[in-house]
Amino acid sequence: MGELPEKFPEYSIMYKTISNQINVLQKQKEKSQDNTELDSKIKKYQEELEKIKKMFPDNFF
């Protein structure tokens, strides 16, 4: 396994929090008529997850 970033616990917590928020938004999206705002928020959160994933070794999350 490769080296972990210096602030590993913080990134791990951020990853879990963002993942949970995406799940909440997707559930709201199923119930909502206007999905454009929710789609943009989900996309923004997914981009942040990708940034975090790039910091860690493959298949870490």
N, C-alpha and C. Protein backbone atom coordinates (compact mmCIF):
# COMPACT_ATOMS: atom_id res chain seq x y z
N MET A 1 0.84 -1.18 0.00
CA MET A 1 0.00 0.00 0.00
C MET A 1 0.88 1.24 0.00
N GLY A 2 0.48 2.25 -0.75
CA GLY A 2 1.26 3.48 -0.82
C GLY A 2 1.10 4.30 0.43
N GLU A 3 1.82 5.40 0.47
CA GLU A 3 1.75 6.28 1.63
C GLU A 3 0.41 7.02 1.65
N LEU A 4 -0.10 7.22 2.84
CA LEU A 4 -1.35 7.97 3.01
C LEU A 4 -1.04 9.45 3.15
N PRO A 5 -1.95 10.31 2.72
CA PRO A 5 -1.74 11.75 2.91
C PRO A 5 -1.61 12.09 4.39
N GLU A 6 -0.97 13.21 4.66
CA GLU A 6 -0.73 13.66 6.04
C GLU A 6 -2.00 13.71 6.87
N LYS A 7 -3.04 14.25 6.32
CA LYS A 7 -4.28 14.46 7.08
C LYS A 7 -5.30 13.38 6.74
N PHE A 8 -4.89 12.14 6.81
CA PHE A 8 -5.73 11.02 6.44
C PHE A 8 -7.09 11.01 7.14
N PRO A 9 -7.17 11.14 8.47
CA PRO A 9 -8.49 11.07 9.13
C PRO A 9 -9.46 12.14 8.64
N GLU A 10 -8.96 13.34 8.41
CA GLU A 10 -9.82 14.42 7.95
C GLU A 10 -10.39 14.11 6.57
N TYR A 11 -9.53 13.60 5.67
CA TYR A 11 -9.99 13.28 4.33
C TYR A 11 -10.97 12.11 4.35
N SER A 12 -10.75 11.17 5.22
CA SER A 12 -11.64 10.03 5.35
C SER A 12 -13.03 10.49 5.82
N ILE A 13 -13.06 11.37 6.79
CA ILE A 13 -14.32 11.90 7.29
C ILE A 13 -15.02 12.73 6.21
N MET A 14 -14.25 13.55 5.51
CA MET A 14 -14.81 14.35 4.42
C MET A 14 -15.42 13.45 3.35
N TYR A 15 -14.72 12.38 2.99
CA TYR A 15 -15.21 11.46 1.97
C TYR A 15 -16.54 10.86 2.38
N LYS A 16 -16.64 10.39 3.63
CA LYS A 16 -17.88 9.79 4.11
C LYS A 16 -19.00 10.81 4.16
N THR A 17 -18.71 12.01 4.61
CA THR A 17 -19.72 13.06 4.70
C THR A 17 -20.24 13.44 3.32
N ILE A 18 -19.34 13.62 2.38
CA ILE A 18 -19.76 13.99 1.02
C ILE A 18 -20.56 12.86 0.38
N SER A 19 -20.13 11.62 0.59
CA SER A 19 -20.87 10.47 0.05
C SER A 19 -22.29 10.42 0.61
N ASN A 20 -22.42 10.66 1.90
CA ASN A 20 -23.74 10.68 2.52
C ASN A 20 -24.60 11.81 1.96
N GLN A 21 -24.00 12.96 1.75
CA GLN A 21 -24.74 14.10 1.21
C GLN A 21 -25.22 13.81 -0.21
N ILE A 22 -24.40 13.16 -1.01
CA ILE A 22 -24.82 12.78 -2.36
C ILE A 22 -26.02 11.85 -2.29
N ASN A 23 -26.00 10.89 -1.38
CA ASN A 23 -27.13 9.97 -1.23
C ASN A 23 -28.41 10.72 -0.85
N VAL A 24 -28.29 11.68 0.06
CA VAL A 24 -29.45 12.47 0.47
C VAL A 24 -30.00 13.25 -0.72
N LEU A 25 -29.12 13.87 -1.49
CA LEU A 25 -29.56 14.66 -2.65
C LEU A 25 -30.21 13.77 -3.70
N GLN A 26 -29.69 12.57 -3.90
CA GLN A 26 -30.28 11.66 -4.88
C GLN A 26 -31.68 11.23 -4.46
N LYS A 27 -31.89 11.04 -3.17
CA LYS A 27 -33.24 10.71 -2.68
C LYS A 27 -34.19 11.88 -2.88
N GLN A 28 -33.69 13.10 -2.63
CA GLN A 28 -34.50 14.30 -2.86
C GLN A 28 -34.84 14.44 -4.34
N LYS A 29 -33.89 14.08 -5.18
CA LYS A 29 -34.06 14.19 -6.62
C LYS A 29 -35.19 13.29 -7.11
N GLU A 30 -35.31 12.12 -6.50
CA GLU A 30 -36.38 11.19 -6.88
C GLU A 30 -37.75 11.78 -6.58
N LYS A 31 -37.86 12.59 -5.54
CA LYS A 31 -39.13 13.15 -5.11
C LYS A 31 -39.43 14.51 -5.74
N SER A 32 -38.41 15.12 -6.35
CA SER A 32 -38.53 16.50 -6.82
C SER A 32 -38.88 16.58 -8.29
N GLN A 33 -39.50 17.67 -8.66
CA GLN A 33 -39.81 17.95 -10.06
C GLN A 33 -38.65 18.66 -10.76
N ASP A 34 -38.08 19.64 -10.08
CA ASP A 34 -36.99 20.44 -10.65
C ASP A 34 -35.65 19.86 -10.20
N ASN A 35 -34.97 19.17 -11.11
CA ASN A 35 -33.74 18.48 -10.76
C ASN A 35 -32.47 19.22 -11.15
N THR A 36 -32.58 20.36 -11.80
CA THR A 36 -31.38 21.03 -12.29
C THR A 36 -30.47 21.48 -11.15
N GLU A 37 -31.06 22.05 -10.12
CA GLU A 37 -30.26 22.52 -8.98
C GLU A 37 -29.64 21.33 -8.24
N LEU A 38 -30.43 20.28 -8.05
CA LEU A 38 -29.91 19.09 -7.37
C LEU A 38 -28.81 18.42 -8.19
N ASP A 39 -29.00 18.37 -9.50
CA ASP A 39 -27.97 17.78 -10.36
C ASP A 39 -26.65 18.53 -10.26
N SER A 40 -26.73 19.85 -10.21
CA SER A 40 -25.49 20.64 -10.12
C SER A 40 -24.79 20.42 -8.78
N LYS A 41 -25.58 20.30 -7.70
CA LYS A 41 -24.99 20.04 -6.39
C LYS A 41 -24.35 18.65 -6.35
N ILE A 42 -25.04 17.66 -6.90
CA ILE A 42 -24.51 16.30 -6.93
C ILE A 42 -23.22 16.26 -7.73
N LYS A 43 -23.20 16.94 -8.86
CA LYS A 43 -22.00 16.98 -9.71
C LYS A 43 -20.83 17.61 -8.96
N LYS A 44 -21.10 18.70 -8.24
CA LYS A 44 -20.05 19.39 -7.49
C LYS A 44 -19.47 18.48 -6.41
N TYR A 45 -20.35 17.78 -5.69
CA TYR A 45 -19.90 16.85 -4.65
C TYR A 45 -19.11 15.69 -5.25
N GLN A 46 -19.54 15.19 -6.41
CA GLN A 46 -18.81 14.09 -7.04
C GLN A 46 -17.42 14.53 -7.49
N GLU A 47 -17.29 15.77 -7.92
CA GLU A 47 -15.97 16.29 -8.28
C GLU A 47 -15.05 16.34 -7.06
N GLU A 48 -15.61 16.74 -5.92
CA GLU A 48 -14.82 16.77 -4.69
C GLU A 48 -14.39 15.36 -4.28
N LEU A 49 -15.27 14.39 -4.44
CA LEU A 49 -14.91 13.00 -4.13
C LEU A 49 -13.76 12.52 -5.02
N GLU A 50 -13.81 12.91 -6.29
CA GLU A 50 -12.73 12.51 -7.20
C GLU A 50 -11.39 13.11 -6.78
N LYS A 51 -11.41 14.35 -6.33
CA LYS A 51 -10.18 14.98 -5.85
C LYS A 51 -9.60 14.21 -4.66
N ILE A 52 -10.48 13.81 -3.75
CA ILE A 52 -10.03 13.06 -2.57
C ILE A 52 -9.50 11.70 -2.99
N LYS A 53 -10.20 11.03 -3.91
CA LYS A 53 -9.77 9.70 -4.36
C LYS A 53 -8.38 9.74 -4.99
N LYS A 54 -8.08 10.82 -5.70
CA LYS A 54 -6.77 10.94 -6.36
C LYS A 54 -5.63 11.04 -5.36
N MET A 55 -5.91 11.45 -4.13
CA MET A 55 -4.88 11.59 -3.11
C MET A 55 -4.48 10.26 -2.51
N PHE A 56 -5.34 9.27 -2.63
CA PHE A 56 -5.12 7.99 -1.97
C PHE A 56 -4.74 6.90 -2.96
N PRO A 57 -4.13 5.83 -2.46
CA PRO A 57 -3.80 4.71 -3.32
C PRO A 57 -5.06 4.12 -3.96
N ASP A 58 -4.86 3.42 -5.08
CA ASP A 58 -5.98 2.82 -5.79
C ASP A 58 -6.80 1.92 -4.89
N ASN A 59 -8.10 1.92 -5.10
CA ASN A 59 -9.06 1.08 -4.40
C ASN A 59 -9.07 1.28 -2.89
N PHE A 60 -8.68 2.45 -2.42
CA PHE A 60 -8.68 2.71 -0.99
C PHE A 60 -10.10 2.94 -0.49
N PHE A 61 -10.89 3.67 -1.30
CA PHE A 61 -12.27 3.95 -0.90
C PHE A 61 -13.21 3.06 -1.67
